[in-house]
Protein backbone atom coordinates (compact mmCIF):
# COMPACT_ATOMS: atom_id res chain seq x y z
CA MET A 1 106.54 -9.82 -125.70
CA ASN A 2 107.99 -7.87 -128.72
CA LYS A 3 110.14 -4.71 -128.22
CA ARG A 4 111.40 -2.53 -130.86
CA ILE A 5 114.99 -0.98 -130.54
CA SER A 6 115.16 2.58 -130.27
CA SER A 7 118.04 3.64 -129.11
CA ALA A 8 121.75 1.43 -129.33
CA LEU A 9 125.37 1.60 -127.80
CA ILE A 10 128.11 0.51 -130.72
CA SER A 11 131.26 0.04 -128.97
CA VAL A 12 133.14 -2.72 -130.58
CA PHE A 13 137.42 -3.92 -130.95
CA ASP A 14 136.84 -5.58 -134.47
CA LYS A 15 134.08 -3.35 -136.92
CA ASP A 16 134.59 -5.99 -139.75
CA GLY A 17 130.83 -6.69 -140.66
CA LEU A 18 129.44 -2.98 -138.57
CA ALA A 19 129.16 -0.96 -141.36
CA PRO A 20 125.67 -2.86 -142.87
CA ILE A 21 124.33 -2.81 -139.17
CA VAL A 22 125.14 0.71 -138.72
CA GLU A 23 123.17 1.70 -142.06
CA GLN A 24 120.50 0.15 -141.78
CA MET A 25 120.03 1.33 -137.86
CA HIS A 26 120.12 5.11 -139.29
CA GLN A 27 117.25 3.94 -142.01
CA LEU A 28 115.15 2.47 -138.55
CA GLY A 29 115.63 6.11 -137.24
CA ILE A 30 117.69 4.33 -134.21
CA THR A 31 119.57 6.72 -132.01
CA LEU A 32 123.04 5.85 -131.92
CA TYR A 33 125.64 6.05 -128.95
CA SER A 34 128.91 4.99 -129.28
CA THR A 35 132.91 5.76 -128.02
CA GLY A 36 135.81 6.26 -129.20
CA GLY A 37 137.28 4.76 -132.40
CA THR A 38 133.60 3.48 -132.98
CA GLN A 39 132.30 6.63 -132.72
CA THR A 40 134.93 8.53 -135.57
CA PHE A 41 133.83 4.89 -137.24
CA ILE A 42 130.15 5.89 -137.51
CA GLU A 43 131.06 9.73 -138.19
CA ASN A 44 133.22 8.23 -141.38
CA MET A 45 130.33 6.88 -142.56
CA GLY A 46 128.75 10.67 -142.68
CA ILE A 47 126.19 8.83 -139.76
CA PRO A 48 125.12 10.78 -137.19
CA VAL A 49 125.72 9.28 -133.72
CA ILE A 50 126.19 10.88 -129.45
CA ALA A 51 128.75 10.12 -127.74
CA VAL A 52 129.05 8.48 -124.11
CA GLU A 53 130.29 11.48 -123.10
CA ASP A 54 127.22 13.47 -123.44
CA LEU A 55 125.66 10.95 -121.80
CA THR A 56 127.74 10.50 -118.92
CA GLY A 57 129.33 14.28 -118.38
CA TYR A 58 132.61 12.73 -118.60
CA PRO A 59 135.62 12.37 -120.96
CA SER A 60 136.91 8.95 -121.45
CA ILE A 61 139.56 8.88 -118.98
CA PHE A 62 142.82 6.65 -117.27
CA GLY A 63 144.32 6.37 -121.06
CA GLY A 64 140.03 4.62 -122.11
CA ARG A 65 140.15 2.66 -119.14
CA VAL A 66 137.24 4.32 -117.50
CA LYS A 67 134.74 5.33 -120.61
CA THR A 68 131.10 3.66 -120.61
CA LEU A 69 131.42 2.57 -116.62
CA HIS A 70 128.59 5.09 -115.48
CA PRO A 71 125.32 5.25 -113.78
CA GLY A 72 124.06 7.28 -117.48
CA VAL A 73 125.55 4.33 -119.35
CA LEU A 74 124.65 0.89 -117.00
CA GLY A 75 121.42 2.40 -115.90
CA GLY A 76 120.25 3.17 -119.50
CA ILE A 77 120.36 -0.77 -119.73
CA LEU A 78 119.52 -1.89 -116.61
CA TYR A 79 116.29 -0.18 -115.38
CA ARG A 80 113.68 -2.14 -116.04
CA ARG A 81 110.93 -0.95 -118.57
CA ASP A 82 107.82 -2.53 -116.63
CA GLU A 83 109.14 -1.52 -113.08
CA ALA A 84 107.33 2.06 -111.73
CA GLN A 85 109.87 2.16 -109.37
CA ASP A 86 113.07 1.96 -112.07
CA LEU A 87 110.76 4.34 -113.99
CA GLU A 88 110.58 6.84 -111.40
CA GLU A 89 114.40 6.78 -111.12
CA ALA A 90 115.14 6.79 -114.55
CA SER A 91 113.41 10.37 -114.83
CA LYS A 92 114.49 11.81 -112.03
CA PHE A 93 117.79 11.30 -113.08
CA ASN A 94 117.49 11.62 -116.14
CA ILE A 95 118.70 8.49 -117.50
CA LYS A 96 118.04 7.27 -121.15
CA PRO A 97 117.11 3.91 -122.48
CA ILE A 98 119.46 2.00 -124.22
CA ASP A 99 117.76 -0.62 -126.08
CA CYS A 100 120.42 -2.55 -127.66
CA VAL A 101 123.86 -2.79 -127.37
CA ILE A 102 126.93 -3.92 -129.41
CA VAL A 103 130.56 -4.81 -128.29
CA ASP A 104 133.60 -6.78 -129.40
CA LEU A 105 135.90 -7.58 -126.37
CA TYR A 106 139.35 -6.54 -126.97
CA PRO A 107 141.15 -9.65 -128.44
CA PHE A 108 142.95 -10.70 -125.50
CA GLU A 109 143.44 -14.46 -126.46
CA LYS A 110 145.34 -13.01 -129.76
CA THR A 111 147.40 -10.81 -128.12
CA VAL A 112 148.63 -13.66 -125.55
CA ALA A 113 149.32 -15.56 -128.59
CA SER A 114 151.16 -13.03 -130.69
CA GLY A 115 153.72 -13.48 -127.84
CA ALA A 116 153.13 -9.88 -126.63
CA SER A 117 154.84 -8.41 -123.72
CA HIS A 118 152.90 -8.34 -119.77
CA GLU A 119 152.14 -4.98 -119.74
CA ASP A 120 150.13 -5.40 -123.92
CA ILE A 121 148.38 -8.42 -122.74
CA ILE A 122 147.29 -6.61 -119.11
CA GLU A 123 145.31 -3.76 -121.30
CA LYS A 124 143.80 -6.20 -123.40
CA ILE A 125 141.73 -7.12 -120.69
CA ASP A 126 138.42 -5.85 -121.76
CA ILE A 127 136.25 -3.95 -118.22
CA GLY A 128 133.87 -2.01 -119.96
CA GLY A 129 132.79 -4.37 -122.33
CA ILE A 130 132.55 -7.51 -120.02
CA ALA A 131 130.19 -5.10 -117.97
CA LEU A 132 127.75 -3.66 -120.82
CA ILE A 133 127.54 -7.20 -121.66
CA ARG A 134 126.49 -8.66 -118.61
CA GLY A 135 124.83 -5.67 -117.74
CA ALA A 136 122.32 -6.37 -121.16
CA ALA A 137 122.26 -10.19 -121.15
CA LYS A 138 120.59 -9.92 -117.58
CA ASN A 139 118.22 -7.30 -118.95
CA PHE A 140 117.37 -9.52 -121.90
CA ASN A 141 113.86 -8.39 -120.97
CA ASP A 142 114.54 -5.10 -122.30
CA VAL A 143 117.61 -5.17 -124.26
CA VAL A 144 119.29 -7.07 -127.09
CA ILE A 145 122.53 -8.10 -126.64
CA VAL A 146 125.37 -8.58 -129.62
CA PRO A 147 128.44 -9.89 -127.57
CA SER A 148 130.61 -10.17 -130.65
CA LYS A 149 131.03 -9.75 -134.13
CA ASN A 150 129.83 -13.71 -134.50
CA GLU A 151 126.28 -12.11 -134.03
CA TYR A 152 126.62 -8.95 -136.31
CA SER A 153 125.18 -11.36 -139.09
CA ALA A 154 121.93 -12.15 -136.89
CA LEU A 155 121.26 -8.66 -135.48
CA HIS A 156 121.33 -7.64 -139.07
CA GLU A 157 119.16 -10.11 -140.52
CA LEU A 158 115.97 -8.88 -137.47
CA LEU A 159 116.51 -5.10 -138.44
CA VAL A 160 115.99 -6.26 -142.01
CA ASN A 161 113.79 -8.68 -141.43
CA GLN A 162 111.58 -7.37 -138.21
CA ASN A 163 112.27 -3.10 -138.74
CA GLY A 164 114.43 -3.54 -135.64
CA GLU A 165 111.54 -5.16 -133.38
CA THR A 166 112.21 -8.34 -131.23
CA THR A 167 110.74 -11.21 -129.79
CA LEU A 168 111.76 -12.00 -125.76
CA GLU A 169 112.95 -15.87 -127.51
CA GLN A 170 114.83 -13.67 -129.68
CA ARG A 171 117.10 -11.49 -126.63
CA GLN A 172 117.20 -14.61 -124.44
CA PHE A 173 119.24 -15.73 -127.75
CA PHE A 174 121.75 -13.00 -127.34
CA ALA A 175 121.71 -12.96 -123.87
CA LYS A 176 122.78 -16.66 -123.97
CA GLN A 177 125.56 -16.06 -126.44
CA ALA A 178 126.39 -13.06 -124.60
CA PHE A 179 127.02 -15.17 -120.75
CA GLU A 180 128.92 -18.14 -123.47
CA VAL A 181 131.49 -14.74 -124.63
CA SER A 182 132.07 -13.61 -120.91
CA SER A 183 133.21 -17.30 -119.31
CA HIS A 184 134.60 -18.01 -122.19
CA TYR A 185 137.16 -14.10 -122.00
CA ASP A 186 137.11 -14.91 -118.05
CA SER A 187 138.26 -18.17 -118.89
CA ALA A 188 141.19 -17.31 -121.21
CA ILE A 189 142.27 -14.40 -118.42
CA TYR A 190 141.91 -16.74 -115.58
CA SER A 191 144.61 -19.37 -117.75
CA TYR A 192 146.80 -16.36 -118.54
CA PHE A 193 147.09 -16.20 -114.38
CA LYS A 194 147.20 -19.33 -113.70
CA GLY A 195 149.96 -20.37 -116.07
CA ASP A 196 151.03 -24.10 -115.05
CA GLU A 197 149.89 -23.74 -111.61
CA VAL A 198 147.32 -26.32 -110.27
CA GLY A 199 143.85 -24.32 -109.97
CA SER A 200 140.28 -24.60 -111.01
CA LEU A 201 139.25 -25.81 -113.82
CA ARG A 202 138.35 -24.06 -117.10
CA ILE A 203 137.62 -25.03 -120.57
CA ALA A 204 136.59 -22.24 -122.97
CA SER A 205 136.21 -22.95 -126.50
CA ARG A 206 133.80 -21.02 -129.07
CA ASP A 207 134.30 -23.09 -131.44
CA ALA A 208 131.52 -25.92 -131.30
CA HIS A 209 131.31 -28.17 -134.20
CA VAL A 210 128.10 -30.75 -133.45
CA LEU A 211 129.19 -34.37 -134.99
CA ARG A 212 126.65 -36.36 -136.65
CA TYR A 213 126.94 -39.05 -133.23
CA GLY A 214 129.26 -39.81 -130.95
CA GLU A 215 131.42 -43.39 -131.37
CA ASN A 216 127.89 -44.85 -131.58
CA PRO A 217 124.56 -43.58 -133.53
CA HIS A 218 122.73 -43.40 -130.08
CA GLN A 219 124.96 -41.36 -128.97
CA LYS A 220 124.92 -37.31 -129.87
CA GLY A 221 129.06 -36.17 -129.95
CA SER A 222 130.93 -32.71 -131.14
CA PHE A 223 134.19 -31.24 -131.01
CA TYR A 224 134.94 -27.95 -129.76
CA GLY A 225 138.66 -26.79 -131.24
CA ASP A 226 139.51 -25.29 -134.99
CA LEU A 227 140.34 -27.95 -136.83
CA ASP A 228 141.11 -25.40 -140.05
CA ALA A 229 143.97 -24.41 -138.07
CA LEU A 230 145.44 -27.65 -137.79
CA PHE A 231 144.62 -28.91 -141.22
CA THR A 232 143.74 -27.73 -144.76
CA LYS A 233 141.33 -30.25 -146.20
CA LEU A 234 141.58 -31.37 -149.74
CA ASN A 235 138.86 -33.28 -149.90
CA GLY A 236 136.16 -36.11 -148.20
CA LYS A 237 133.22 -36.04 -145.65
CA GLU A 238 133.23 -34.24 -142.27
CA LEU A 239 134.98 -36.09 -139.78
CA SER A 240 133.55 -38.06 -137.62
CA TYR A 241 133.89 -38.86 -134.04
CA ASN A 242 136.00 -41.69 -134.61
CA ASN A 243 137.67 -40.30 -137.27
CA LEU A 244 139.17 -37.45 -134.78
CA LEU A 245 140.43 -39.81 -132.44
CA ASP A 246 142.21 -41.61 -134.77
CA VAL A 247 143.94 -38.48 -136.21
CA GLU A 248 145.18 -37.32 -132.87
CA ALA A 249 146.69 -40.79 -132.74
CA ALA A 250 147.97 -40.64 -135.68
CA VAL A 251 149.00 -36.57 -135.34
CA GLN A 252 151.03 -37.96 -131.67
CA LEU A 253 152.51 -40.31 -133.41
CA ILE A 254 153.92 -39.16 -136.29
CA SER A 255 155.29 -36.02 -133.76
CA GLU A 256 158.14 -38.54 -132.79
CA PHE A 257 159.08 -39.01 -136.67
CA LYS A 258 158.47 -35.85 -137.97
CA ASN A 259 162.88 -35.27 -138.48
CA ASP A 260 163.38 -38.86 -139.32
CA ALA A 261 163.65 -40.23 -143.02
CA PRO A 262 160.79 -40.60 -144.71
CA THR A 263 158.35 -42.07 -141.93
CA PHE A 264 154.66 -43.96 -142.66
CA ALA A 265 152.13 -44.85 -139.99
CA ILE A 266 149.10 -46.95 -140.48
CA LEU A 267 146.54 -46.69 -137.08
CA LYS A 268 143.38 -48.43 -136.53
CA HIS A 269 141.65 -47.71 -133.55
CA ASN A 270 144.18 -45.32 -131.88
CA ASN A 271 147.05 -47.64 -132.24
CA ALA A 272 149.43 -48.43 -135.05
CA CYS A 273 149.00 -51.34 -137.57
CA GLY A 274 152.28 -50.41 -139.46
CA VAL A 275 154.63 -47.95 -139.26
CA ALA A 276 158.24 -47.64 -141.47
CA THR A 277 161.13 -45.92 -141.99
CA ARG A 278 162.24 -45.96 -144.98
CA ASN A 279 164.53 -43.80 -147.35
CA SER A 280 161.49 -43.10 -149.89
CA MET A 281 158.03 -42.53 -148.95
CA VAL A 282 156.38 -45.35 -151.46
CA GLU A 283 158.66 -48.34 -149.67
CA ALA A 284 157.89 -46.32 -146.53
CA TYR A 285 153.96 -46.92 -147.26
CA GLU A 286 154.30 -50.52 -148.68
CA ALA A 287 156.61 -52.07 -145.54
CA ALA A 288 154.04 -50.09 -142.71
CA LEU A 289 151.14 -51.69 -145.22
CA ALA A 290 152.72 -55.13 -145.20
CA CYS A 291 153.07 -55.09 -140.83
CA ASP A 292 149.30 -55.69 -141.19
CA SER A 293 146.96 -55.30 -144.16
CA THR A 294 144.11 -56.88 -142.43
CA SER A 295 144.02 -54.05 -140.14
CA ALA A 296 145.19 -51.18 -142.56
CA PHE A 297 141.78 -51.65 -144.22
CA GLY A 298 139.48 -48.61 -142.93
CA GLY A 299 142.41 -46.93 -140.94
CA VAL A 300 143.90 -43.04 -140.85
CA LEU A 301 147.26 -42.91 -142.81
CA ILE A 302 149.30 -40.19 -141.94
CA ALA A 303 153.39 -39.37 -143.49
CA ASN A 304 156.09 -37.25 -142.13
CA GLY A 305 156.55 -35.77 -145.47
CA ASN A 306 155.01 -35.17 -148.85
CA ILE A 307 153.15 -38.20 -151.09
CA ASP A 308 154.24 -38.24 -154.41
CA LEU A 309 152.23 -39.86 -157.13
CA ALA A 310 154.23 -43.23 -156.84
CA THR A 311 152.84 -43.76 -153.09
CA ALA A 312 149.53 -42.12 -153.97
CA GLU A 313 149.31 -44.91 -156.26
CA LYS A 314 150.26 -47.36 -153.78
CA ILE A 315 147.30 -45.84 -151.65
CA ASN A 316 144.88 -45.47 -153.73
CA SER A 317 143.63 -49.64 -153.89
CA LEU A 318 143.68 -49.34 -150.10
CA PHE A 319 140.46 -48.49 -148.70
CA CYS A 320 141.09 -45.90 -146.39
CA GLU A 321 139.36 -43.11 -144.43
CA VAL A 322 141.91 -40.71 -143.75
CA VAL A 323 145.28 -39.62 -145.58
CA ILE A 324 147.18 -36.52 -143.53
CA ALA A 325 150.53 -35.47 -144.38
CA PRO A 326 152.46 -31.99 -144.64
CA SER A 327 152.32 -31.66 -148.81
CA TYR A 328 151.24 -33.55 -151.64
CA ASP A 329 152.47 -33.65 -155.33
CA GLU A 330 149.49 -31.78 -157.37
CA SER A 331 149.26 -35.56 -159.24
CA ALA A 332 149.20 -37.57 -156.16
CA VAL A 333 146.12 -35.53 -154.59
CA GLU A 334 143.87 -36.42 -157.96
CA LEU A 335 144.34 -39.55 -157.69
CA LEU A 336 143.67 -39.88 -154.19
CA LYS A 337 140.75 -37.41 -154.99
CA SER A 338 138.95 -40.24 -156.99
CA LYS A 339 137.40 -41.62 -153.78
CA ALA A 340 134.44 -39.27 -152.79
CA ASN A 341 134.65 -39.74 -149.18
CA ARG A 342 138.39 -40.02 -148.66
CA ILE A 343 139.57 -37.61 -146.37
CA ILE A 344 142.75 -35.97 -147.40
CA LEU A 345 144.37 -33.53 -144.96
CA ILE A 346 147.22 -31.25 -144.73
CA ILE A 347 148.98 -31.07 -141.63
CA LYS A 348 149.83 -27.59 -140.34
CA GLU A 349 152.55 -26.76 -137.99
CA THR A 350 150.60 -25.60 -135.35
CA PRO A 351 150.96 -26.12 -131.67
CA LEU A 352 149.15 -28.53 -130.07
CA LEU A 353 147.81 -28.89 -126.32
CA GLN A 354 150.07 -29.51 -123.78
CA THR A 355 147.37 -30.49 -121.40
CA GLN A 356 144.64 -33.85 -121.37
CA VAL A 357 141.19 -33.93 -120.12
CA ARG A 358 139.31 -36.61 -119.32
CA SER A 359 135.62 -36.60 -117.48
CA ILE A 360 135.65 -39.65 -114.89
CA LEU A 361 133.11 -40.29 -112.36
CA ASN A 362 131.72 -37.03 -111.11
CA GLY A 363 134.88 -34.48 -111.62
CA TYR A 364 137.87 -34.89 -114.37
CA LEU A 365 141.99 -36.58 -114.85
CA VAL A 366 144.12 -33.70 -115.86
CA GLN A 367 147.15 -34.03 -116.65
CA GLU A 368 150.62 -33.00 -118.74
CA LYS A 369 151.08 -34.87 -122.14
CA ASP A 370 153.71 -36.70 -122.17
CA ASN A 371 156.16 -35.32 -124.09
CA ALA A 372 159.34 -37.70 -122.71
CA THR A 373 161.08 -39.49 -126.41
CA GLU A 374 163.90 -40.91 -125.30
CA THR A 375 167.48 -41.02 -127.68
CA ALA A 376 170.38 -43.66 -127.78
CA ALA A 377 171.67 -41.03 -125.13
CA ASP A 378 168.89 -41.84 -122.53
CA LEU A 379 169.38 -45.28 -123.30
CA LYS A 380 171.53 -47.10 -119.94
CA CYS A 381 173.47 -50.75 -121.03
CA ALA A 382 172.28 -52.94 -117.62
CA THR A 383 173.71 -56.15 -119.10
CA THR A 384 176.85 -57.66 -120.41
CA ALA A 385 175.76 -57.91 -123.71
CA VAL A 386 175.69 -54.40 -125.78
CA ALA A 387 173.46 -54.07 -128.49
CA ASN A 388 174.64 -53.05 -132.11
CA ASP A 389 174.39 -49.39 -134.26
CA ALA A 390 171.15 -51.03 -136.00
CA SER A 391 169.43 -52.95 -132.65
CA ILE A 392 170.20 -49.32 -130.69
CA SER A 393 167.98 -47.85 -133.70
CA ASP A 394 165.48 -50.46 -133.53
CA MET A 395 165.26 -50.16 -129.70
CA ILE A 396 164.74 -46.41 -130.18
CA PHE A 397 162.02 -46.61 -133.24
CA ALA A 398 160.01 -49.24 -131.04
CA ASN A 399 160.26 -47.42 -127.80
CA LYS A 400 158.64 -44.05 -129.92
CA LEU A 401 155.82 -47.20 -130.55
CA VAL A 402 154.89 -48.34 -127.63
CA LYS A 403 154.56 -44.57 -126.30
CA HIS A 404 151.30 -44.55 -128.64
CA THR A 405 150.42 -48.04 -128.28
CA LYS A 406 147.24 -48.78 -125.68
CA SER A 407 148.62 -50.70 -122.09
CA ASN A 408 149.79 -52.80 -121.43
CA THR A 409 151.81 -53.16 -124.48
CA ILE A 410 154.40 -54.94 -126.04
CA VAL A 411 156.64 -53.27 -129.17
CA LEU A 412 158.08 -55.87 -132.00
CA ALA A 413 160.43 -54.27 -134.42
CA LYS A 414 163.50 -54.89 -136.94
CA ASN A 415 165.10 -52.27 -139.56
CA ASN A 416 163.09 -49.62 -138.43
CA THR A 417 160.38 -51.62 -139.34
CA LEU A 418 156.94 -52.72 -136.71
CA LEU A 419 157.05 -56.28 -137.10
CA ALA A 420 153.87 -56.65 -134.41
CA SER A 421 152.27 -54.75 -131.12
CA GLY A 422 150.15 -56.73 -128.32
CA THR A 423 147.84 -53.85 -127.24
CA GLY A 424 145.83 -53.38 -124.41
CA GLN A 425 146.45 -56.15 -122.90
CA THR A 426 145.70 -57.01 -118.79
CA SER A 427 149.04 -59.25 -118.93
CA ARG A 428 152.54 -58.02 -120.19
CA VAL A 429 153.04 -61.59 -121.34
CA ASP A 430 149.70 -61.88 -122.59
CA ALA A 431 150.72 -59.03 -124.89
CA LEU A 432 154.08 -60.56 -125.70
CA GLN A 433 152.50 -63.62 -126.80
CA GLN A 434 149.86 -61.41 -128.69
CA ALA A 435 152.43 -59.67 -130.27
CA ILE A 436 154.69 -62.80 -131.56
CA GLU A 437 151.73 -64.90 -133.06
CA LYS A 438 151.00 -61.69 -134.86
CA ALA A 439 154.43 -61.41 -136.46
CA LYS A 440 154.33 -65.13 -137.43
CA HIS A 441 150.65 -64.54 -138.92
CA PHE A 442 152.02 -61.98 -141.56
CA GLY A 443 155.36 -64.40 -142.05
CA PHE A 444 157.78 -61.68 -140.06
CA SER A 445 160.69 -63.55 -138.74
CA LEU A 446 161.76 -62.05 -134.84
CA GLU A 447 165.09 -63.27 -135.48
CA GLY A 448 167.69 -60.07 -134.51
CA SER A 449 164.50 -57.66 -133.37
CA ALA A 450 164.58 -55.37 -130.57
CA MET A 451 161.32 -55.25 -128.27
CA ALA A 452 160.41 -52.09 -125.84
CA SER A 453 157.74 -52.08 -123.41
CA ASP A 454 155.73 -49.30 -121.98
CA ALA A 455 156.43 -50.42 -118.35
CA PHE A 456 158.98 -52.80 -116.07
CA PHE A 457 159.08 -56.73 -116.08
CA PRO A 458 157.86 -57.89 -112.46
CA PHE A 459 159.37 -61.42 -114.01
CA PRO A 460 162.06 -62.49 -115.97
CA ASP A 461 159.25 -64.85 -118.18
CA CYS A 462 158.88 -62.17 -120.78
CA VAL A 463 162.92 -61.54 -121.75
CA GLU A 464 162.80 -65.57 -122.06
CA ILE A 465 159.85 -65.66 -124.68
CA ALA A 466 161.26 -62.66 -126.02
CA LYS A 467 164.56 -64.78 -126.49
CA ASN A 468 163.15 -68.46 -127.68
CA ALA A 469 161.45 -66.14 -130.19
CA GLY A 470 164.24 -64.26 -131.78
CA VAL A 471 164.80 -61.01 -129.78
CA ILE A 472 168.02 -59.57 -129.24
CA ALA A 473 167.88 -56.19 -127.33
CA VAL A 474 165.12 -55.07 -124.96
CA VAL A 475 163.93 -51.56 -124.12
CA GLN A 476 162.24 -51.46 -121.21
CA PRO A 477 161.63 -48.25 -118.34
CA GLY A 478 163.18 -50.36 -115.11
CA GLY A 479 162.19 -49.78 -111.47
CA SER A 480 161.21 -53.42 -110.65
CA ILE A 481 162.32 -54.29 -107.24
CA LYS A 482 162.72 -57.45 -109.37
CA ASP A 483 164.90 -55.93 -112.33
CA GLN A 484 167.74 -57.64 -111.93
CA LEU A 485 165.93 -61.31 -112.63
CA SER A 486 165.53 -60.04 -115.74
CA ILE A 487 169.21 -58.85 -116.33
CA ASP A 488 170.76 -61.87 -114.89
CA TYR A 489 168.48 -63.96 -117.58
CA CYS A 490 169.65 -61.68 -120.34
CA ASN A 491 173.12 -61.57 -119.10
CA ALA A 492 173.22 -65.65 -119.37
CA ASN A 493 171.16 -65.49 -122.98
CA ASN A 494 173.30 -63.20 -124.46
CA VAL A 495 170.26 -60.26 -124.69
CA ALA A 496 170.82 -57.03 -124.51
CA MET A 497 168.67 -54.85 -122.27
CA TYR A 498 168.50 -51.41 -121.86
CA MET A 499 166.70 -48.66 -119.42
CA THR A 500 165.25 -45.44 -119.66
CA GLY A 501 163.50 -45.04 -116.39
CA VAL A 502 160.47 -43.62 -118.67
CA ARG A 503 157.46 -45.45 -117.98
CA HIS A 504 155.21 -44.65 -121.17
CA PHE A 505 151.52 -45.84 -119.96
CA LYS A 506 148.78 -45.03 -121.89
CA HIS A 507 145.19 -46.33 -120.09
């Protein structure tokens, strides 16, 4: 059933984009009601507006906490236009109909993010606005609710093209948006009060991006988040579901090397297939590519520093999906853009989420992000053999990689270069043997290399296999009841073994 807007209540925080709506409503003869700053805004446009106080008989009180919470306002929104009793009561109490409600809530999330005081944050909890949104949305049969500035353009188009008349379907659409806004807002407030405590799971994101499909073409996929806050996109097609998974893995991995010498990483299917640290970015790229040039095809590339022209020239000969760096030389960007579909991203200094959520069975698993990164000071030597500075550096390097590789995993490294890794194996021995064979395939000698494991060795078989392959230093969490067996083997064979006390499973 079509309804024409004859009156509107406007009470918004953000007035950007509001003027054309107000102007159009005035041209259509719609009666306007408003409060506070919004009322002043409309008056300054030279358009007549009725103060809400004239509806309620009350001024704004308690520092603006109570303005619209009154039957004269909520009654005008909620009474049913086709119910005889509602019509009788509206007439009896002189309640005037309000056919459209336009609200933009206090910016609670922005206030929290700004580092404002607790008192200021509390004052940005909107009460009246939420009540207006919920009331108008409930009575969508009669009322149009515009719950945020995101819907201003849709309302303006409706006013222009339909002369203020709306269909039931349109009003229901606005109501759906309204409950989405109120749900998000309440979730943000709850999360603020909850802090780090365990409580109800609330995930609120208004930034929905429909993807072409999910992991496979027969699966629907969406991304909820603000990629523009994290990246500046310079070139290429839209990021796919799988692209995003690999980009996430790349960003998390390179964060381990944020303050290190030039480091380049190449990832495929969420795992690093090449990582190297060198004196220049072009050297780091060449060394990373040499780790596994086969897997690098179609991969995601990421650098911890500027990509110059020399590096771009090397990259340009490789088919890759995504290139990420904090900055680029202008000439490098122009060269990389020669492949139209290649996605080129500048990564910004933006905090990443610290909570990981995964749907499972009929619920969700939630955990803190693994923020533990071991340094040389965290390594405890368990053997009589002691590693030299080069081996300690290699162990730290390998341990950073093992943290970001699918379990069970073994990482072999030398000279701050990934030689090979065994990923996602059901046995740690299988992971090690996979890594050794891969290193051999690409012509790497393991003599003098370091090995990192994401978890303890239950038996000494891994260290024995590693020793025979050329490994001279091992880093692992420790914690097995049979740790001593591995230590004894290392002592007998001049292998240095260090314990971190920190396991880095990534299932």
